[in-house]
Amino acid sequence: MLLMFAVGTGNVGWMMGLGAVMAIEKNVSWGRRLSAPLGVGLLAWGLAIVGANTGAFDLLGTMAG
């Protein structure tokens, strides 16, 4: 719920998307199987964003310069 509040204050579209995913996880028979891959994907996406913003993935730029 804290995630929904934080995302909702930033962008209503993202809040609607996360709400839809949570509704699918709770109400569809195959929803529980969606949780783990979705969690891994979101964590990887978050790490990619952090890495891109901190320059952690700028390996080619560092080697060339």
Protein backbone atom coordinates (compact mmCIF):
# COMPACT_ATOMS: atom_id res chain seq x y z
CA MET A 1 0.00 0.00 0.00
CA LEU A 2 2.90 2.36 0.67
CA LEU A 3 4.15 1.76 -2.87
CA MET A 4 0.69 2.56 -4.26
CA PHE A 5 0.62 5.82 -2.29
CA ALA A 6 4.10 6.87 -3.41
CA VAL A 7 3.44 6.02 -7.06
CA GLY A 8 -0.03 7.54 -6.96
CA THR A 9 1.27 10.89 -5.80
CA GLY A 10 3.69 10.91 -8.72
CA ASN A 11 1.62 9.53 -11.58
CA VAL A 12 -1.96 8.31 -11.62
CA GLY A 13 -1.31 6.17 -14.72
CA TRP A 14 1.34 4.12 -12.93
CA MET A 15 -0.98 3.73 -9.96
CA MET A 16 -3.71 2.39 -12.22
CA GLY A 17 -1.26 -0.05 -13.83
CA LEU A 18 -0.02 -1.34 -10.48
CA GLY A 19 -3.61 -1.62 -9.25
CA ALA A 20 -4.50 -3.72 -12.29
CA VAL A 21 -1.53 -6.03 -11.69
CA MET A 22 -2.51 -6.43 -8.04
CA ALA A 23 -6.11 -7.19 -9.00
CA ILE A 24 -4.92 -9.85 -11.45
CA GLU A 25 -2.66 -11.41 -8.81
CA LYS A 26 -5.53 -11.60 -6.33
CA ASN A 27 -8.46 -12.58 -8.54
CA VAL A 28 -7.19 -14.74 -11.42
CA SER A 29 -6.34 -18.40 -10.88
CA TRP A 30 -2.86 -18.01 -12.39
CA GLY A 31 -2.17 -14.71 -10.58
CA ARG A 32 0.14 -16.19 -7.96
CA ARG A 33 2.46 -17.50 -10.68
CA LEU A 34 2.79 -13.93 -11.95
CA SER A 35 4.17 -12.56 -8.67
CA ALA A 36 7.72 -13.94 -8.69
CA PRO A 37 8.63 -13.16 -12.34
CA LEU A 38 7.05 -9.73 -12.06
CA GLY A 39 8.97 -9.01 -8.85
CA VAL A 40 12.27 -10.07 -10.40
CA GLY A 41 11.56 -7.99 -13.49
CA LEU A 42 10.70 -4.89 -11.47
CA LEU A 43 13.82 -5.29 -9.32
CA ALA A 44 15.99 -5.65 -12.44
CA TRP A 45 14.34 -2.58 -13.98
CA GLY A 46 14.96 -0.59 -10.78
CA LEU A 47 18.60 -1.64 -10.64
CA ALA A 48 19.02 -0.69 -14.30
CA ILE A 49 17.60 2.77 -13.60
CA VAL A 50 19.85 3.25 -10.59
CA GLY A 51 22.86 1.99 -12.51
CA ALA A 52 22.17 4.26 -15.47
CA ASN A 53 21.75 7.32 -13.24
CA THR A 54 24.89 6.66 -11.21
CA GLY A 55 27.09 5.86 -14.20
CA ALA A 56 27.63 2.27 -13.07
CA PHE A 57 26.90 0.98 -16.57
CA ASP A 58 29.14 3.46 -18.37
CA LEU A 59 31.85 0.86 -18.97
CA LEU A 60 32.46 1.68 -22.63
CA GLY A 61 32.70 5.41 -21.95
CA THR A 62 35.25 4.81 -19.20
CA MET A 63 37.39 2.53 -21.37
CA ALA A 64 37.33 4.83 -24.38
CA GLY A 65 38.21 8.01 -22.49
